[in-house]
Amino acid sequence: MMEYFGEKIRDLRIERDLPLRKVAAYLDIDTSILSKIERGERDANRELVIKAANFFNIEEKDFLTNFYSDQVAKILYQENNCETILKVAEEKIKYIKENSLIQGKLGFENE
């Protein structure tokens, strides 16, 4: 799980002996774009990640975890306090989820 999303795509493609053009066609992108994603020169998007998971018959959750962790790592890797930032972000996510549930319940009770 320590490889970048693009590296994972490339490894799966090579492991299954699939040409770049076939995978790119399924993903509905140009082969040059897929090649750049595999080399880490271009980022994928959520829709493409889900399509790739389906193509390779991999759990969407696993691919999305790899994809989003890439995004977070790219933003934070040069920060001296990245571990602290991640802990605070985790707490904020919990806070947002809790408040969303509470607000959601309030909205439904009034109907």
C-alpha atoms as a PDB file:
ATOM      1  CA  MET A   1       0.000   0.000   0.000  1.00  0.00           C
ATOM      2  CA  MET A   2       3.031   2.273   0.073  1.00  0.00           C
ATOM      3  CA  GLU A   3       3.113   2.836  -3.653  1.00  0.00           C
ATOM      4  CA  TYR A   4       1.459   5.801  -5.287  1.00  0.00           C
ATOM      5  CA  PHE A   5      -1.882   5.293  -6.986  1.00  0.00           C
ATOM      6  CA  GLY A   6      -0.315   5.590 -10.452  1.00  0.00           C
ATOM      7  CA  GLU A   7       2.349   3.038  -9.586  1.00  0.00           C
ATOM      8  CA  LYS A   8      -0.370   0.653  -8.406  1.00  0.00           C
ATOM      9  CA  ILE A   9      -2.213   1.030 -11.710  1.00  0.00           C
ATOM     10  CA  ARG A  10       0.990   0.375 -13.664  1.00  0.00           C
ATOM     11  CA  ASP A  11       1.873  -2.662 -11.557  1.00  0.00           C
ATOM     12  CA  LEU A  12      -1.598  -4.168 -11.986  1.00  0.00           C
ATOM     13  CA  ARG A  13      -1.546  -3.472 -15.711  1.00  0.00           C
ATOM     14  CA  ILE A  14       1.856  -5.091 -16.173  1.00  0.00           C
ATOM     15  CA  GLU A  15       1.026  -7.993 -13.848  1.00  0.00           C
ATOM     16  CA  ARG A  16      -2.032  -8.757 -15.963  1.00  0.00           C
ATOM     17  CA  ASP A  17      -0.139  -8.215 -19.214  1.00  0.00           C
ATOM     18  CA  LEU A  18      -2.479  -5.456 -20.382  1.00  0.00           C
ATOM     19  CA  PRO A  19      -1.423  -2.812 -22.881  1.00  0.00           C
ATOM     20  CA  LEU A  20      -1.685   0.823 -21.861  1.00  0.00           C
ATOM     21  CA  ARG A  21      -4.189   1.479 -24.664  1.00  0.00           C
ATOM     22  CA  LYS A  22      -6.635  -1.158 -23.392  1.00  0.00           C
ATOM     23  CA  VAL A  23      -6.716   0.207 -19.848  1.00  0.00           C
ATOM     24  CA  ALA A  24      -6.893   3.794 -21.118  1.00  0.00           C
ATOM     25  CA  ALA A  25      -9.796   2.892 -23.414  1.00  0.00           C
ATOM     26  CA  TYR A  26     -11.756   1.378 -20.521  1.00  0.00           C
ATOM     27  CA  LEU A  27     -11.057   4.445 -18.387  1.00  0.00           C
ATOM     28  CA  ASP A  28     -12.062   6.657 -21.316  1.00  0.00           C
ATOM     29  CA  ILE A  29      -8.835   8.657 -21.263  1.00  0.00           C
ATOM     30  CA  ASP A  30      -5.968   9.109 -23.695  1.00  0.00           C
ATOM     31  CA  THR A  31      -3.029   6.719 -23.358  1.00  0.00           C
ATOM     32  CA  SER A  32      -0.683   9.652 -22.758  1.00  0.00           C
ATOM     33  CA  ILE A  33      -2.779  10.742 -19.782  1.00  0.00           C
ATOM     34  CA  LEU A  34      -2.725   7.240 -18.292  1.00  0.00           C
ATOM     35  CA  SER A  35       1.012   7.070 -18.855  1.00  0.00           C
ATOM     36  CA  LYS A  36       1.463  10.353 -16.969  1.00  0.00           C
ATOM     37  CA  ILE A  37      -0.742   9.096 -14.125  1.00  0.00           C
ATOM     38  CA  GLU A  38       1.348   5.923 -13.899  1.00  0.00           C
ATOM     39  CA  ARG A  39       4.549   7.995 -13.738  1.00  0.00           C
ATOM     40  CA  GLY A  40       3.124  10.366 -11.128  1.00  0.00           C
ATOM     41  CA  GLU A  41       3.213  13.337 -13.498  1.00  0.00           C
ATOM     42  CA  ARG A  42      -0.550  13.808 -13.432  1.00  0.00           C
ATOM     43  CA  ASP A  43      -3.198  13.185 -10.801  1.00  0.00           C
ATOM     44  CA  ALA A  44      -6.240  11.025 -11.322  1.00  0.00           C
ATOM     45  CA  ASN A  45      -9.672  12.058 -10.105  1.00  0.00           C
ATOM     46  CA  ARG A  46     -12.179  10.179  -7.973  1.00  0.00           C
ATOM     47  CA  GLU A  47     -14.242   9.027 -10.959  1.00  0.00           C
ATOM     48  CA  LEU A  48     -11.183   7.556 -12.665  1.00  0.00           C
ATOM     49  CA  VAL A  49     -10.118   5.814  -9.453  1.00  0.00           C
ATOM     50  CA  ILE A  50     -13.513   4.114  -9.192  1.00  0.00           C
ATOM     51  CA  LYS A  51     -13.423   3.076 -12.864  1.00  0.00           C
ATOM     52  CA  ALA A  52      -9.919   1.655 -12.369  1.00  0.00           C
ATOM     53  CA  ALA A  53     -11.048  -0.301  -9.301  1.00  0.00           C
ATOM     54  CA  ASN A  54     -13.866  -1.824 -11.335  1.00  0.00           C
ATOM     55  CA  PHE A  55     -11.572  -2.608 -14.256  1.00  0.00           C
ATOM     56  CA  PHE A  56      -8.996  -4.370 -12.098  1.00  0.00           C
ATOM     57  CA  ASN A  57     -11.655  -5.919  -9.843  1.00  0.00           C
ATOM     58  CA  ILE A  58     -10.180  -4.260  -6.751  1.00  0.00           C
ATOM     59  CA  GLU A  59     -12.223  -2.957  -3.819  1.00  0.00           C
ATOM     60  CA  GLU A  60     -13.124   0.688  -4.434  1.00  0.00           C
ATOM     61  CA  LYS A  61     -12.339   1.434  -0.793  1.00  0.00           C
ATOM     62  CA  ASP A  62      -8.743   0.226  -1.224  1.00  0.00           C
ATOM     63  CA  PHE A  63      -8.161   2.267  -4.374  1.00  0.00           C
ATOM     64  CA  LEU A  64      -9.790   5.357  -2.883  1.00  0.00           C
ATOM     65  CA  THR A  65      -7.689   5.015   0.270  1.00  0.00           C
ATOM     66  CA  ASN A  66      -4.538   4.884  -1.844  1.00  0.00           C
ATOM     67  CA  PHE A  67      -5.711   7.825  -3.982  1.00  0.00           C
ATOM     68  CA  TYR A  68      -6.703  10.102  -1.088  1.00  0.00           C
ATOM     69  CA  SER A  69      -3.619   9.243   0.939  1.00  0.00           C
ATOM     70  CA  ASP A  70      -1.543  10.342  -2.080  1.00  0.00           C
ATOM     71  CA  GLN A  71      -3.354  13.670  -2.104  1.00  0.00           C
ATOM     72  CA  VAL A  72      -2.822  14.260   1.608  1.00  0.00           C
ATOM     73  CA  ALA A  73       0.821  13.172   1.471  1.00  0.00           C
ATOM     74  CA  LYS A  74       1.560  15.504  -1.443  1.00  0.00           C
ATOM     75  CA  ILE A  75       0.158  18.439   0.502  1.00  0.00           C
ATOM     76  CA  LEU A  76       1.851  17.676   3.834  1.00  0.00           C
ATOM     77  CA  TYR A  77       5.149  15.946   3.108  1.00  0.00           C
ATOM     78  CA  GLN A  78       7.282  19.071   3.529  1.00  0.00           C
ATOM     79  CA  GLU A  79       5.609  20.265   6.709  1.00  0.00           C
ATOM     80  CA  ASN A  80       7.623  19.756   9.884  1.00  0.00           C
ATOM     81  CA  ASN A  81       4.509  19.028  11.937  1.00  0.00           C
ATOM     82  CA  CYS A  82       2.635  16.805   9.493  1.00  0.00           C
ATOM     83  CA  GLU A  83       1.784  14.225  12.177  1.00  0.00           C
ATOM     84  CA  THR A  84       0.123  16.903  14.286  1.00  0.00           C
ATOM     85  CA  ILE A  85      -1.758  18.247  11.278  1.00  0.00           C
ATOM     86  CA  LEU A  86      -3.069  14.760  10.532  1.00  0.00           C
ATOM     87  CA  LYS A  87      -4.216  14.262  14.140  1.00  0.00           C
ATOM     88  CA  VAL A  88      -6.038  17.588  14.167  1.00  0.00           C
ATOM     89  CA  ALA A  89      -7.607  16.823  10.782  1.00  0.00           C
ATOM     90  CA  GLU A  90      -8.826  13.480  12.136  1.00  0.00           C
ATOM     91  CA  GLU A  91     -10.428  15.249  15.101  1.00  0.00           C
ATOM     92  CA  LYS A  92     -12.069  17.767  12.753  1.00  0.00           C
ATOM     93  CA  ILE A  93     -13.455  14.966  10.604  1.00  0.00           C
ATOM     94  CA  LYS A  94     -15.024  13.394  13.695  1.00  0.00           C
ATOM     95  CA  TYR A  95     -16.452  16.776  14.670  1.00  0.00           C
ATOM     96  CA  ILE A  96     -17.913  17.330  11.194  1.00  0.00           C
ATOM     97  CA  LYS A  97     -19.440  13.851  11.116  1.00  0.00           C
ATOM     98  CA  GLU A  98     -20.980  14.289  14.562  1.00  0.00           C
ATOM     99  CA  ASN A  99     -22.429  17.684  13.712  1.00  0.00           C
ATOM    100  CA  SER A 100     -23.714  16.460  10.365  1.00  0.00           C
ATOM    101  CA  LEU A 101     -25.544  13.622  12.105  1.00  0.00           C
ATOM    102  CA  ILE A 102     -27.021  15.954  14.697  1.00  0.00           C
ATOM    103  CA  GLN A 103     -28.143  18.472  12.079  1.00  0.00           C
ATOM    104  CA  GLY A 104     -29.496  15.678   9.928  1.00  0.00           C
ATOM    105  CA  LYS A 105     -31.561  14.348  12.823  1.00  0.00           C
ATOM    106  CA  LEU A 106     -32.922  17.784  13.576  1.00  0.00           C
ATOM    107  CA  GLY A 107     -33.948  18.256   9.973  1.00  0.00           C
ATOM    108  CA  PHE A 108     -35.792  14.941   9.838  1.00  0.00           C
ATOM    109  CA  GLU A 109     -37.587  15.421  13.138  1.00  0.00           C
ATOM    110  CA  ASN A 110     -39.236  18.611  11.905  1.00  0.00           C
ATOM    111  CA  GLU A 111     -40.787  16.910   8.879  1.00  0.00           C
END
